[in-house]
Amino acid sequence: MITIDISHIAKHKNKLVAIRHALTLVDTDRELIVTICKEMAFKWIPIILDDVAHLYEENAQLQVDNLNLNLQNDSLLQQNVALSQRLHHQ
């Protein structure tokens, strides 16, 4: 079974919030702005994009699994209807 790790999402959200807070505190400190931008561009955004891609893959697999379960359910329902009709006629 595929599981979604919510801790990654929370970690990314917390980091982006921290970066946003840091940006609001910065007036003219160019070095800090460059450091924050580099961290976002080279560290956090690629990680977040990888996690989003992984979530899309998991979602696609869950849709396939759901379709298969629906087909199995339909088959079992048909079997139950057939058995019910046979029992009713006995």
Protein backbone atom coordinates (compact mmCIF):
# COMPACT_ATOMS: atom_id res chain seq x y z
CA MET A 1 0.00 0.00 0.00
CA ILE A 2 1.27 3.46 -0.86
CA THR A 3 1.45 6.00 1.96
CA ILE A 4 1.86 9.74 1.71
CA ASP A 5 4.41 11.21 4.13
CA ILE A 6 2.67 14.31 5.48
CA SER A 7 5.80 15.26 7.46
CA HIS A 8 7.53 16.27 4.21
CA ILE A 9 4.70 18.63 3.35
CA ALA A 10 4.73 20.17 6.82
CA LYS A 11 8.52 20.49 6.75
CA HIS A 12 8.41 22.30 3.41
CA LYS A 13 5.60 24.54 4.54
CA ASN A 14 7.44 25.46 7.72
CA LYS A 15 10.65 26.19 5.83
CA LEU A 16 8.86 28.37 3.28
CA VAL A 17 7.09 30.25 6.08
CA ALA A 18 10.46 30.82 7.78
CA ILE A 19 11.92 32.12 4.52
CA ARG A 20 8.92 34.41 4.04
CA HIS A 21 9.34 35.78 7.57
CA ALA A 22 13.05 36.36 6.96
CA LEU A 23 12.30 38.22 3.75
CA THR A 24 9.85 40.51 5.53
CA LEU A 25 12.55 41.39 8.09
CA VAL A 26 15.16 42.22 5.47
CA ASP A 27 15.39 45.78 4.25
CA THR A 28 18.74 46.23 2.55
CA ASP A 29 20.85 43.26 3.59
CA ARG A 30 21.77 41.99 0.14
CA GLU A 31 23.89 39.13 1.43
CA LEU A 32 20.98 37.71 3.42
CA ILE A 33 18.62 38.13 0.45
CA VAL A 34 21.08 36.32 -1.85
CA THR A 35 21.52 33.52 0.71
CA ILE A 36 17.76 33.07 1.06
CA CYS A 37 17.23 33.10 -2.71
CA LYS A 38 20.00 30.55 -3.23
CA GLU A 39 18.55 28.29 -0.55
CA MET A 40 15.12 28.47 -2.15
CA ALA A 41 16.37 28.05 -5.71
CA PHE A 42 18.95 25.33 -5.17
CA LYS A 43 17.69 23.45 -2.13
CA TRP A 44 14.02 23.76 -1.25
CA ILE A 45 12.30 24.22 -4.59
CA PRO A 46 13.92 21.11 -6.15
CA ILE A 47 13.01 19.04 -3.07
CA ILE A 48 9.44 20.31 -3.13
CA LEU A 49 9.13 19.62 -6.86
CA ASP A 50 10.46 16.08 -6.35
CA ASP A 51 7.89 15.51 -3.60
CA VAL A 52 5.10 16.88 -5.82
CA ALA A 53 6.18 14.55 -8.64
CA HIS A 54 6.17 11.65 -6.17
CA LEU A 55 2.67 12.60 -5.00
CA TYR A 56 1.46 12.65 -8.61
CA GLU A 57 2.90 9.17 -9.13
CA GLU A 58 1.26 7.92 -5.93
CA ASN A 59 -2.04 9.49 -6.99
CA ALA A 60 -1.87 7.76 -10.37
CA GLN A 61 -1.17 4.42 -8.67
CA LEU A 62 -4.02 4.98 -6.21
CA GLN A 63 -6.37 5.67 -9.12
CA VAL A 64 -5.31 2.40 -10.76
CA ASP A 65 -5.74 0.54 -7.47
CA ASN A 66 -9.16 2.15 -6.97
CA LEU A 67 -10.27 1.13 -10.46
CA ASN A 68 -9.14 -2.44 -9.83
CA LEU A 69 -10.97 -2.54 -6.51
CA ASN A 70 -14.11 -1.20 -8.20
CA LEU A 71 -13.89 -3.94 -10.82
CA GLN A 72 -13.43 -6.58 -8.10
CA ASN A 73 -16.37 -5.13 -6.22
CA ASP A 74 -18.54 -5.26 -9.35
CA SER A 75 -17.56 -8.88 -9.90
CA LEU A 76 -18.36 -9.81 -6.30
CA LEU A 77 -21.68 -7.99 -6.52
CA GLN A 78 -22.58 -9.94 -9.65
CA GLN A 79 -21.63 -13.19 -7.91
CA ASN A 80 -23.78 -12.26 -4.91
CA VAL A 81 -26.75 -11.45 -7.15
CA ALA A 82 -26.36 -14.77 -8.95
CA LEU A 83 -26.11 -16.70 -5.67
CA SER A 84 -29.10 -14.84 -4.25
CA GLN A 85 -31.19 -15.68 -7.30
CA ARG A 86 -30.18 -19.35 -7.09
CA LEU A 87 -31.05 -19.50 -3.39
CA HIS A 88 -34.36 -17.75 -4.04
CA HIS A 89 -35.31 -20.33 -6.69
CA GLN A 90 -34.48 -23.33 -4.49
